[in-house]
Amino acid sequence: MGTHTRPGGSSPAYVTPCPDQTLPHDQWQEQAATHAARVDTATAARRDRIAHGETHPVDDFMYDYYSVRPTLLRRWHPGAGVALEGAASHASWRWYAHNQHGLAWVDTAGFLAAREDTVRFVLSLMRATASRTPRFGCFGMHEWAMVYRTDPSERRHHLPLRLSAAETNDVVDDNDLGCTHIDAFRFFTPEARPRNAYALTRANQSAYEQPGCLHANMDLYKWCTKLLPAIPSALQQDAFEFAVRVRRVDMQASPYDVSSLELEPIRVETSAGKAEYAEHQRVFAAEASSLRMRLIDACEAVLASPPTP
């Protein structure tokens, strides 16, 4: 296919060879346009809030915590191993290579040179999580543990509690804490942390994450964003839209009063609420299983890329 370079004229010796699979210009343009329209629909409310200086304490989590702008979500990537015909725009993007024939593709060699540790970590975490039996007994107590014995000024969300502070504390006292997700556990109050069944750390993250956890399933989106453009945008957007739905259930089961946001509470302090929450977990775990396997396949594809010439 001739000389292939990265934008900026990097040495061709360290650039991934042009893949055998090629998407014609019209075909990938159609896919990119469909993707952009899908993202525009999914992010319309966020963009409208920004335009009017408004916020949403539930849905804005997807953008603020995960630090991804709608404009970046709109960018379409085919993932590793696919060359695009006439892709002048992609040729100028980071982690892309191109040649004099007008083809552009993800430079997996360059990507791995910078981020191989991340790819391998995500692959290991996804495999470990997928290997475990889902647990459905935490009943969303992580959000309650984040407000346990706190002053209102210390709470993460500017929303009222559904119950009084004393009643909220009693719910935590009356329930076991079995959180398996470090990025939920690290926000537990100092008084709640010793009550958790597991002493979670970043170092033992892969030993505890399990597929019934709402936060582990939301984080599929996070891992997708960290691996762009080496994974397909379709996978990232599927994970994003899935995570939005999981986030809403997460907050419906929280101690916060979300009725002003047109969300019905899941009263996990009751037997009926616990059963409702566990059923959501089962549905999400099944859906996340498919997304997780797709992410595993994408990671393996990146690592199996042809070596540099």
C-alpha atoms as a PDB file:
ATOM      1  CA  MET A   1       0.000   0.000   0.000  1.00  0.00           C
ATOM      2  CA  GLY A   2       3.012   2.328  -0.032  1.00  0.00           C
ATOM      3  CA  THR A   3       4.353   4.622   2.642  1.00  0.00           C
ATOM      4  CA  HIS A   4       2.107   5.145   5.623  1.00  0.00           C
ATOM      5  CA  THR A   5       2.515   7.931   8.146  1.00  0.00           C
ATOM      6  CA  ARG A   6       1.004   9.468  11.203  1.00  0.00           C
ATOM      7  CA  PRO A   7      -0.159  13.076  11.167  1.00  0.00           C
ATOM      8  CA  GLY A   8       2.856  15.282  11.717  1.00  0.00           C
ATOM      9  CA  GLY A   9       5.211  13.052   9.735  1.00  0.00           C
ATOM     10  CA  SER A  10       6.122  10.474  12.389  1.00  0.00           C
ATOM     11  CA  SER A  11       8.537   7.774  11.305  1.00  0.00           C
ATOM     12  CA  PRO A  12       6.736   5.123   9.184  1.00  0.00           C
ATOM     13  CA  ALA A  13       8.753   2.394  10.968  1.00  0.00           C
ATOM     14  CA  TYR A  14       6.452   2.651  14.019  1.00  0.00           C
ATOM     15  CA  VAL A  15       3.092   2.834  12.257  1.00  0.00           C
ATOM     16  CA  THR A  16       0.608  -0.034  11.950  1.00  0.00           C
ATOM     17  CA  PRO A  17       0.431  -1.423   8.411  1.00  0.00           C
ATOM     18  CA  CYS A  18      -2.726  -0.591   6.479  1.00  0.00           C
ATOM     19  CA  PRO A  19      -5.370  -3.240   7.314  1.00  0.00           C
ATOM     20  CA  ASP A  20      -6.715  -5.564   4.633  1.00  0.00           C
ATOM     21  CA  GLN A  21     -10.330  -4.680   5.481  1.00  0.00           C
ATOM     22  CA  THR A  22     -11.374  -1.437   3.789  1.00  0.00           C
ATOM     23  CA  LEU A  23     -14.651   0.451   4.020  1.00  0.00           C
ATOM     24  CA  PRO A  24     -15.620   2.386   0.881  1.00  0.00           C
ATOM     25  CA  HIS A  25     -16.120   6.118   1.380  1.00  0.00           C
ATOM     26  CA  ASP A  26     -19.904   6.094   0.906  1.00  0.00           C
ATOM     27  CA  GLN A  27     -20.348   3.154   3.276  1.00  0.00           C
ATOM     28  CA  TRP A  28     -18.407   4.580   6.210  1.00  0.00           C
ATOM     29  CA  GLN A  29     -19.825   8.049   5.649  1.00  0.00           C
ATOM     30  CA  GLU A  30     -23.320   6.597   6.070  1.00  0.00           C
ATOM     31  CA  GLN A  31     -22.288   4.839   9.275  1.00  0.00           C
ATOM     32  CA  ALA A  32     -20.666   8.012  10.610  1.00  0.00           C
ATOM     33  CA  ALA A  33     -23.752  10.101   9.837  1.00  0.00           C
ATOM     34  CA  THR A  34     -26.048   7.563  11.508  1.00  0.00           C
ATOM     35  CA  HIS A  35     -23.789   7.565  14.560  1.00  0.00           C
ATOM     36  CA  ALA A  36     -23.723  11.365  14.780  1.00  0.00           C
ATOM     37  CA  ALA A  37     -27.524  11.542  14.569  1.00  0.00           C
ATOM     38  CA  ARG A  38     -27.835   8.909  17.292  1.00  0.00           C
ATOM     39  CA  VAL A  39     -25.465  10.825  19.563  1.00  0.00           C
ATOM     40  CA  ASP A  40     -27.290  14.097  18.885  1.00  0.00           C
ATOM     41  CA  THR A  41     -30.553  12.514  19.990  1.00  0.00           C
ATOM     42  CA  ALA A  42     -28.998  10.992  23.118  1.00  0.00           C
ATOM     43  CA  THR A  43     -27.260  14.215  24.163  1.00  0.00           C
ATOM     44  CA  ALA A  44     -29.895  16.779  23.138  1.00  0.00           C
ATOM     45  CA  ALA A  45     -31.069  17.431  26.706  1.00  0.00           C
ATOM     46  CA  ARG A  46     -27.501  17.930  27.957  1.00  0.00           C
ATOM     47  CA  ARG A  47     -26.681  20.369  25.184  1.00  0.00           C
ATOM     48  CA  ASP A  48     -29.881  22.290  25.852  1.00  0.00           C
ATOM     49  CA  ARG A  49     -29.043  22.515  29.565  1.00  0.00           C
ATOM     50  CA  ILE A  50     -25.603  23.876  28.786  1.00  0.00           C
ATOM     51  CA  ALA A  51     -27.101  26.488  26.465  1.00  0.00           C
ATOM     52  CA  HIS A  52     -29.427  27.654  29.251  1.00  0.00           C
ATOM     53  CA  GLY A  53     -26.961  27.347  32.149  1.00  0.00           C
ATOM     54  CA  GLU A  54     -28.941  24.526  33.754  1.00  0.00           C
ATOM     55  CA  THR A  55     -27.890  21.270  35.417  1.00  0.00           C
ATOM     56  CA  HIS A  56     -29.392  17.851  36.089  1.00  0.00           C
ATOM     57  CA  PRO A  57     -28.059  16.056  39.185  1.00  0.00           C
ATOM     58  CA  VAL A  58     -28.754  12.603  37.742  1.00  0.00           C
ATOM     59  CA  ASP A  59     -28.062  12.741  34.006  1.00  0.00           C
ATOM     60  CA  ASP A  60     -25.135  15.178  34.122  1.00  0.00           C
ATOM     61  CA  PHE A  61     -23.162  12.510  35.970  1.00  0.00           C
ATOM     62  CA  MET A  62     -22.597  10.855  32.589  1.00  0.00           C
ATOM     63  CA  TYR A  63     -20.712  13.891  31.336  1.00  0.00           C
ATOM     64  CA  ASP A  64     -19.152  15.326  34.474  1.00  0.00           C
ATOM     65  CA  TYR A  65     -17.932  12.166  36.213  1.00  0.00           C
ATOM     66  CA  TYR A  66     -16.816  10.485  33.002  1.00  0.00           C
ATOM     67  CA  SER A  67     -15.517  13.776  31.534  1.00  0.00           C
ATOM     68  CA  VAL A  68     -16.674  13.252  27.947  1.00  0.00           C
ATOM     69  CA  ARG A  69     -18.187  16.022  25.835  1.00  0.00           C
ATOM     70  CA  PRO A  70     -21.020  15.393  23.359  1.00  0.00           C
ATOM     71  CA  THR A  71     -18.799  16.705  20.549  1.00  0.00           C
ATOM     72  CA  LEU A  72     -16.308  13.887  21.165  1.00  0.00           C
ATOM     73  CA  LEU A  73     -19.076  11.308  21.336  1.00  0.00           C
ATOM     74  CA  ARG A  74     -20.117  12.363  17.825  1.00  0.00           C
ATOM     75  CA  ARG A  75     -16.778  11.327  16.335  1.00  0.00           C
ATOM     76  CA  TRP A  76     -17.141   7.997  14.591  1.00  0.00           C
ATOM     77  CA  HIS A  77     -14.383   5.394  14.721  1.00  0.00           C
ATOM     78  CA  PRO A  78     -14.454   1.976  13.011  1.00  0.00           C
ATOM     79  CA  GLY A  79     -12.097   0.466  15.580  1.00  0.00           C
ATOM     80  CA  ALA A  80      -8.896  -1.483  15.024  1.00  0.00           C
ATOM     81  CA  GLY A  81      -8.253  -3.346  11.784  1.00  0.00           C
ATOM     82  CA  VAL A  82     -10.400  -1.281   9.407  1.00  0.00           C
ATOM     83  CA  ALA A  83      -9.147   1.226   6.806  1.00  0.00           C
ATOM     84  CA  LEU A  84     -11.380   4.029   5.564  1.00  0.00           C
ATOM     85  CA  GLU A  85     -11.391   5.262   1.989  1.00  0.00           C
ATOM     86  CA  GLY A  86     -11.102   9.000   1.503  1.00  0.00           C
ATOM     87  CA  ALA A  87     -11.018   9.735   5.244  1.00  0.00           C
ATOM     88  CA  ALA A  88      -9.200  13.063   5.230  1.00  0.00           C
ATOM     89  CA  SER A  89     -10.798  14.085   8.526  1.00  0.00           C
ATOM     90  CA  HIS A  90      -9.718  10.914  10.314  1.00  0.00           C
ATOM     91  CA  ALA A  91      -6.192  11.199   8.928  1.00  0.00           C
ATOM     92  CA  SER A  92      -5.674  14.299  11.062  1.00  0.00           C
ATOM     93  CA  TRP A  93      -6.993  12.745  14.276  1.00  0.00           C
ATOM     94  CA  ARG A  94      -4.801  11.392  17.048  1.00  0.00           C
ATOM     95  CA  TRP A  95      -3.904   7.687  16.813  1.00  0.00           C
ATOM     96  CA  TYR A  96      -4.642   7.506  13.094  1.00  0.00           C
ATOM     97  CA  ALA A  97      -2.271   6.694  10.259  1.00  0.00           C
ATOM     98  CA  HIS A  98      -2.815   7.316   6.544  1.00  0.00           C
ATOM     99  CA  ASN A  99      -1.155   6.740   3.187  1.00  0.00           C
ATOM    100  CA  GLN A 100      -0.882   8.365  -0.211  1.00  0.00           C
ATOM    101  CA  HIS A 101      -3.816   6.304  -1.498  1.00  0.00           C
ATOM    102  CA  GLY A 102      -6.270   8.232   0.690  1.00  0.00           C
ATOM    103  CA  LEU A 103      -6.750   5.482   3.264  1.00  0.00           C
ATOM    104  CA  ALA A 104      -6.797   6.164   7.003  1.00  0.00           C
ATOM    105  CA  TRP A 105      -6.877   3.666   9.875  1.00  0.00           C
ATOM    106  CA  VAL A 106      -6.312   3.380  13.613  1.00  0.00           C
ATOM    107  CA  ASP A 107      -2.599   3.189  14.339  1.00  0.00           C
ATOM    108  CA  THR A 108      -2.758   0.421  16.934  1.00  0.00           C
ATOM    109  CA  ALA A 109       1.034   0.276  17.200  1.00  0.00           C
ATOM    110  CA  GLY A 110       1.185   3.899  18.249  1.00  0.00           C
ATOM    111  CA  PHE A 111      -1.841   3.481  20.502  1.00  0.00           C
ATOM    112  CA  LEU A 112      -0.328   0.463  22.242  1.00  0.00           C
ATOM    113  CA  ALA A 113       3.026   2.186  22.625  1.00  0.00           C
ATOM    114  CA  ALA A 114       1.241   4.757  24.793  1.00  0.00           C
ATOM    115  CA  ARG A 115      -1.627   2.765  26.305  1.00  0.00           C
ATOM    116  CA  GLU A 116      -0.890  -0.944  26.253  1.00  0.00           C
ATOM    117  CA  ASP A 117      -1.011  -1.108  30.059  1.00  0.00           C
ATOM    118  CA  THR A 118      -4.526   0.367  29.968  1.00  0.00           C
ATOM    119  CA  VAL A 119      -5.698  -2.083  27.304  1.00  0.00           C
ATOM    120  CA  ARG A 120      -4.346  -5.031  29.264  1.00  0.00           C
ATOM    121  CA  PHE A 121      -5.813  -3.773  32.536  1.00  0.00           C
ATOM    122  CA  VAL A 122      -9.265  -3.324  30.990  1.00  0.00           C
ATOM    123  CA  LEU A 123      -9.089  -6.752  29.357  1.00  0.00           C
ATOM    124  CA  SER A 124      -8.059  -8.394  32.634  1.00  0.00           C
ATOM    125  CA  LEU A 125     -10.774  -6.574  34.605  1.00  0.00           C
ATOM    126  CA  MET A 126     -13.476  -7.456  32.066  1.00  0.00           C
ATOM    127  CA  ARG A 127     -12.468 -11.122  32.020  1.00  0.00           C
ATOM    128  CA  ALA A 128     -12.368 -11.288  35.815  1.00  0.00           C
ATOM    129  CA  THR A 129     -15.760  -9.608  36.179  1.00  0.00           C
ATOM    130  CA  ALA A 130     -17.345 -11.803  33.503  1.00  0.00           C
ATOM    131  CA  SER A 131     -16.072 -14.943  35.238  1.00  0.00           C
ATOM    132  CA  ARG A 132     -18.018 -14.274  38.449  1.00  0.00           C
ATOM    133  CA  THR A 133     -21.577 -15.072  39.411  1.00  0.00           C
ATOM    134  CA  PRO A 134     -23.649 -11.873  39.691  1.00  0.00           C
ATOM    135  CA  ARG A 135     -24.616 -10.811  43.211  1.00  0.00           C
ATOM    136  CA  PHE A 136     -27.970  -9.177  43.777  1.00  0.00           C
ATOM    137  CA  GLY A 137     -27.914  -8.568  47.514  1.00  0.00           C
ATOM    138  CA  CYS A 138     -26.390  -5.114  47.948  1.00  0.00           C
ATOM    139  CA  PHE A 139     -29.757  -3.346  47.414  1.00  0.00           C
ATOM    140  CA  GLY A 140     -28.127  -0.074  46.389  1.00  0.00           C
ATOM    141  CA  MET A 141     -26.835   0.654  49.881  1.00  0.00           C
ATOM    142  CA  HIS A 142     -23.699   2.315  48.477  1.00  0.00           C
ATOM    143  CA  GLU A 143     -25.479   5.664  47.979  1.00  0.00           C
ATOM    144  CA  TRP A 144     -26.858   5.468  51.506  1.00  0.00           C
ATOM    145  CA  ALA A 145     -23.373   4.772  52.855  1.00  0.00           C
ATOM    146  CA  MET A 146     -22.183   7.963  51.154  1.00  0.00           C
ATOM    147  CA  VAL A 147     -24.507  10.090  53.314  1.00  0.00           C
ATOM    148  CA  TYR A 148     -24.294   8.016  56.500  1.00  0.00           C
ATOM    149  CA  ARG A 149     -23.931  10.302  59.523  1.00  0.00           C
ATOM    150  CA  THR A 150     -23.090  13.355  57.396  1.00  0.00           C
ATOM    151  CA  ASP A 151     -23.927  17.010  57.635  1.00  0.00           C
ATOM    152  CA  PRO A 152     -26.068  18.266  54.688  1.00  0.00           C
ATOM    153  CA  SER A 153     -23.137  20.389  53.481  1.00  0.00           C
ATOM    154  CA  GLU A 154     -21.037  17.232  53.026  1.00  0.00           C
ATOM    155  CA  ARG A 155     -23.435  15.460  50.652  1.00  0.00           C
ATOM    156  CA  ARG A 156     -22.454  14.966  47.026  1.00  0.00           C
ATOM    157  CA  HIS A 157     -25.818  15.896  45.523  1.00  0.00           C
ATOM    158  CA  HIS A 158     -27.841  19.041  46.087  1.00  0.00           C
ATOM    159  CA  LEU A 159     -31.075  17.143  46.575  1.00  0.00           C
ATOM    160  CA  PRO A 160     -33.177  16.601  49.699  1.00  0.00           C
ATOM    161  CA  LEU A 161     -33.264  13.193  51.360  1.00  0.00           C
ATOM    162  CA  ARG A 162     -36.447  11.124  51.120  1.00  0.00           C
ATOM    163  CA  LEU A 163     -36.260  10.285  54.818  1.00  0.00           C
ATOM    164  CA  SER A 164     -34.959  12.284  57.740  1.00  0.00           C
ATOM    165  CA  ALA A 165     -31.221  12.140  58.423  1.00  0.00           C
ATOM    166  CA  ALA A 166     -31.836   9.925  61.464  1.00  0.00           C
ATOM    167  CA  GLU A 167     -34.070   7.543  59.467  1.00  0.00           C
ATOM    168  CA  THR A 168     -31.483   7.415  56.677  1.00  0.00           C
ATOM    169  CA  ASN A 169     -28.792   6.462  59.181  1.00  0.00           C
ATOM    170  CA  ASP A 170     -31.093   3.786  60.608  1.00  0.00           C
ATOM    171  CA  VAL A 171     -31.455   2.217  57.136  1.00  0.00           C
ATOM    172  CA  VAL A 172     -27.679   1.824  56.918  1.00  0.00           C
ATOM    173  CA  ASP A 173     -27.542   0.464  60.471  1.00  0.00           C
ATOM    174  CA  ASP A 174     -30.261  -2.078  59.683  1.00  0.00           C
ATOM    175  CA  ASN A 175     -28.689  -3.396  56.453  1.00  0.00           C
ATOM    176  CA  ASP A 176     -25.462  -5.172  55.607  1.00  0.00           C
ATOM    177  CA  LEU A 177     -23.072  -3.292  53.323  1.00  0.00           C
ATOM    178  CA  GLY A 178     -21.692  -5.527  50.584  1.00  0.00           C
ATOM    179  CA  CYS A 179     -20.306  -3.071  48.029  1.00  0.00           C
ATOM    180  CA  THR A 180     -17.835  -4.627  45.571  1.00  0.00           C
ATOM    181  CA  HIS A 181     -16.946  -1.510  43.559  1.00  0.00           C
ATOM    182  CA  ILE A 182     -13.988   0.612  44.596  1.00  0.00           C
ATOM    183  CA  ASP A 183     -15.240   3.792  42.914  1.00  0.00           C
ATOM    184  CA  ALA A 184     -18.447   3.644  44.941  1.00  0.00           C
ATOM    185  CA  PHE A 185     -16.741   2.488  48.127  1.00  0.00           C
ATOM    186  CA  ARG A 186     -14.204   5.338  48.093  1.00  0.00           C
ATOM    187  CA  PHE A 187     -17.070   7.820  48.594  1.00  0.00           C
ATOM    188  CA  PHE A 188     -18.385   6.043  51.704  1.00  0.00           C
ATOM    189  CA  THR A 189     -18.275   8.212  54.804  1.00  0.00           C
ATOM    190  CA  PRO A 190     -15.554   7.331  57.331  1.00  0.00           C
ATOM    191  CA  GLU A 191     -18.245   5.909  59.629  1.00  0.00           C
ATOM    192  CA  ALA A 192     -19.684   3.687  56.868  1.00  0.00           C
ATOM    193  CA  ARG A 193     -16.453   2.330  55.428  1.00  0.00           C
ATOM    194  CA  PRO A 194     -15.642  -0.157  58.242  1.00  0.00           C
ATOM    195  CA  ARG A 195     -19.169  -1.552  57.940  1.00  0.00           C
ATOM    196  CA  ASN A 196     -18.555  -2.808  54.380  1.00  0.00           C
ATOM    197  CA  ALA A 197     -17.971  -6.529  53.988  1.00  0.00           C
ATOM    198  CA  TYR A 198     -14.934  -5.936  51.766  1.00  0.00           C
ATOM    199  CA  ALA A 199     -11.889  -3.705  52.253  1.00  0.00           C
ATOM    200  CA  LEU A 200     -11.705  -2.441  48.688  1.00  0.00           C
ATOM    201  CA  THR A 201      -8.640  -0.814  47.194  1.00  0.00           C
ATOM    202  CA  ARG A 202      -7.509   0.069  43.693  1.00  0.00           C
ATOM    203  CA  ALA A 203      -4.987  -2.773  43.915  1.00  0.00           C
ATOM    204  CA  ASN A 204      -7.658  -5.438  44.552  1.00  0.00           C
ATOM    205  CA  GLN A 205     -10.264  -4.019  42.152  1.00  0.00           C
ATOM    206  CA  SER A 206     -10.077  -6.993  39.776  1.00  0.00           C
ATOM    207  CA  ALA A 207     -10.579  -9.402  42.676  1.00  0.00           C
ATOM    208  CA  TYR A 208     -13.975  -7.992  43.674  1.00  0.00           C
ATOM    209  CA  GLU A 209     -15.821  -6.463  40.717  1.00  0.00           C
ATOM    210  CA  GLN A 210     -18.818  -8.589  39.756  1.00  0.00           C
ATOM    211  CA  PRO A 211     -21.455  -8.402  37.023  1.00  0.00           C
ATOM    212  CA  GLY A 212     -24.444  -7.672  39.266  1.00  0.00           C
ATOM    213  CA  CYS A 213     -23.002  -4.321  40.347  1.00  0.00           C
ATOM    214  CA  LEU A 214     -24.677  -1.277  38.806  1.00  0.00           C
ATOM    215  CA  HIS A 215     -21.499   0.799  38.978  1.00  0.00           C
ATOM    216  CA  ALA A 216     -19.337  -1.887  37.362  1.00  0.00           C
ATOM    217  CA  ASN A 217     -21.876  -2.036  34.552  1.00  0.00           C
ATOM    218  CA  MET A 218     -22.030   1.752  34.153  1.00  0.00           C
ATOM    219  CA  ASP A 219     -18.244   1.765  33.957  1.00  0.00           C
ATOM    220  CA  LEU A 220     -18.333  -0.229  30.740  1.00  0.00           C
ATOM    221  CA  TYR A 221     -18.832   3.193  29.190  1.00  0.00           C
ATOM    222  CA  LYS A 222     -15.794   4.569  31.015  1.00  0.00           C
ATOM    223  CA  TRP A 223     -13.545   1.798  29.748  1.00  0.00           C
ATOM    224  CA  CYS A 224     -14.820   2.279  26.204  1.00  0.00           C
ATOM    225  CA  THR A 225     -13.947   5.976  26.291  1.00  0.00           C
ATOM    226  CA  LYS A 226     -10.440   5.198  27.530  1.00  0.00           C
ATOM    227  CA  LEU A 227      -9.851   2.876  24.571  1.00  0.00           C
ATOM    228  CA  LEU A 228     -11.047   5.152  21.778  1.00  0.00           C
ATOM    229  CA  PRO A 229     -10.329   5.228  18.880  1.00  0.00           C
ATOM    230  CA  ALA A 230      -9.093   1.635  19.019  1.00  0.00           C
ATOM    231  CA  ILE A 231     -12.602   0.285  19.696  1.00  0.00           C
ATOM    232  CA  PRO A 232     -15.690   0.896  17.529  1.00  0.00           C
ATOM    233  CA  SER A 233     -17.861   3.925  18.283  1.00  0.00           C
ATOM    234  CA  ALA A 234     -20.952   1.732  18.068  1.00  0.00           C
ATOM    235  CA  LEU A 235     -19.797  -0.139  21.186  1.00  0.00           C
ATOM    236  CA  GLN A 236     -19.087   3.099  23.029  1.00  0.00           C
ATOM    237  CA  GLN A 237     -22.512   4.538  22.220  1.00  0.00           C
ATOM    238  CA  ASP A 238     -24.286   1.321  23.216  1.00  0.00           C
ATOM    239  CA  ALA A 239     -22.415   1.463  26.531  1.00  0.00           C
ATOM    240  CA  PHE A 240     -23.265   5.155  26.972  1.00  0.00           C
ATOM    241  CA  GLU A 241     -27.014   4.717  26.452  1.00  0.00           C
ATOM    242  CA  PHE A 242     -26.994   1.672  28.709  1.00  0.00           C
ATOM    243  CA  ALA A 243     -25.137   3.573  31.437  1.00  0.00           C
ATOM    244  CA  VAL A 244     -27.695   6.411  31.320  1.00  0.00           C
ATOM    245  CA  ARG A 245     -30.462   3.947  32.170  1.00  0.00           C
ATOM    246  CA  VAL A 246     -28.412   2.319  34.914  1.00  0.00           C
ATOM    247  CA  ARG A 247     -27.581   5.714  36.414  1.00  0.00           C
ATOM    248  CA  ARG A 248     -31.259   6.602  36.750  1.00  0.00           C
ATOM    249  CA  VAL A 249     -32.029   3.389  38.614  1.00  0.00           C
ATOM    250  CA  ASP A 250     -28.964   3.991  40.770  1.00  0.00           C
ATOM    251  CA  MET A 251     -30.382   7.336  41.874  1.00  0.00           C
ATOM    252  CA  GLN A 252     -33.957   6.083  42.155  1.00  0.00           C
ATOM    253  CA  ALA A 253     -32.691   3.634  44.785  1.00  0.00           C
ATOM    254  CA  SER A 254     -30.631   6.281  46.570  1.00  0.00           C
ATOM    255  CA  PRO A 255     -31.687   8.095  49.753  1.00  0.00           C
ATOM    256  CA  TYR A 256     -32.232  11.264  47.719  1.00  0.00           C
ATOM    257  CA  ASP A 257     -35.671  12.547  46.779  1.00  0.00           C
ATOM    258  CA  VAL A 258     -35.602  12.502  42.955  1.00  0.00           C
ATOM    259  CA  SER A 259     -39.332  13.104  42.497  1.00  0.00           C
ATOM    260  CA  SER A 260     -38.648  16.655  41.248  1.00  0.00           C
ATOM    261  CA  LEU A 261     -36.754  15.025  38.347  1.00  0.00           C
ATOM    262  CA  GLU A 262     -39.776  12.907  37.398  1.00  0.00           C
ATOM    263  CA  LEU A 263     -38.156   9.746  38.731  1.00  0.00           C
ATOM    264  CA  GLU A 264     -40.042   7.365  40.992  1.00  0.00           C
ATOM    265  CA  PRO A 265     -38.131   6.214  44.094  1.00  0.00           C
ATOM    266  CA  ILE A 266     -37.169   2.592  44.538  1.00  0.00           C
ATOM    267  CA  ARG A 267     -37.686   2.241  48.274  1.00  0.00           C
ATOM    268  CA  VAL A 268     -34.868  -0.176  49.072  1.00  0.00           C
ATOM    269  CA  GLU A 269     -35.525   0.321  52.769  1.00  0.00           C
ATOM    270  CA  THR A 270     -38.560  -1.951  52.228  1.00  0.00           C
ATOM    271  CA  SER A 271     -38.825  -5.597  51.150  1.00  0.00           C
ATOM    272  CA  ALA A 272     -40.735  -4.640  48.007  1.00  0.00           C
ATOM    273  CA  GLY A 273     -38.106  -2.048  47.098  1.00  0.00           C
ATOM    274  CA  LYS A 274     -35.306  -4.546  47.591  1.00  0.00           C
ATOM    275  CA  ALA A 275     -37.030  -7.005  45.266  1.00  0.00           C
ATOM    276  CA  GLU A 276     -37.553  -4.275  42.660  1.00  0.00           C
ATOM    277  CA  TYR A 277     -33.908  -3.232  42.819  1.00  0.00           C
ATOM    278  CA  ALA A 278     -32.651  -6.813  42.527  1.00  0.00           C
ATOM    279  CA  GLU A 279     -34.813  -7.337  39.446  1.00  0.00           C
ATOM    280  CA  HIS A 280     -33.259  -4.260  37.821  1.00  0.00           C
ATOM    281  CA  GLN A 281     -29.848  -5.703  38.651  1.00  0.00           C
ATOM    282  CA  ARG A 282     -30.713  -8.983  36.920  1.00  0.00           C
ATOM    283  CA  VAL A 283     -31.875  -7.241  33.764  1.00  0.00           C
ATOM    284  CA  PHE A 284     -28.844  -4.954  33.672  1.00  0.00           C
ATOM    285  CA  ALA A 285     -26.430  -7.830  34.350  1.00  0.00           C
ATOM    286  CA  ALA A 286     -27.746  -9.721  31.337  1.00  0.00           C
ATOM    287  CA  GLU A 287     -27.423  -6.685  29.077  1.00  0.00           C
ATOM    288  CA  ALA A 288     -23.998  -5.791  30.442  1.00  0.00           C
ATOM    289  CA  SER A 289     -22.771  -9.327  29.784  1.00  0.00           C
ATOM    290  CA  SER A 290     -23.113  -8.802  26.043  1.00  0.00           C
ATOM    291  CA  LEU A 291     -21.434  -5.384  26.168  1.00  0.00           C
ATOM    292  CA  ARG A 292     -18.615  -6.762  28.317  1.00  0.00           C
ATOM    293  CA  MET A 293     -17.928  -9.577  25.853  1.00  0.00           C
ATOM    294  CA  ARG A 294     -17.850  -7.093  22.984  1.00  0.00           C
ATOM    295  CA  LEU A 295     -15.338  -5.006  24.914  1.00  0.00           C
ATOM    296  CA  ILE A 296     -13.221  -8.091  25.598  1.00  0.00           C
ATOM    297  CA  ASP A 297     -13.260  -8.902  21.877  1.00  0.00           C
ATOM    298  CA  ALA A 298     -12.291  -5.316  21.026  1.00  0.00           C
ATOM    299  CA  CYS A 299      -9.356  -5.373  23.468  1.00  0.00           C
ATOM    300  CA  GLU A 300      -8.166  -8.683  22.059  1.00  0.00           C
ATOM    301  CA  ALA A 301      -8.382  -7.283  18.526  1.00  0.00           C
ATOM    302  CA  VAL A 302      -6.192  -4.322  19.471  1.00  0.00           C
ATOM    303  CA  LEU A 303      -3.584  -6.541  21.120  1.00  0.00           C
ATOM    304  CA  ALA A 304      -3.617  -8.954  18.168  1.00  0.00           C
ATOM    305  CA  SER A 305      -2.921  -6.188  15.636  1.00  0.00           C
ATOM    306  CA  PRO A 306      -0.167  -6.922  13.106  1.00  0.00           C
ATOM    307  CA  PRO A 307       3.303  -5.978  14.311  1.00  0.00           C
ATOM    308  CA  THR A 308       5.018  -2.935  12.894  1.00  0.00           C
ATOM    309  CA  PRO A 309       7.131  -3.608   9.793  1.00  0.00           C
END
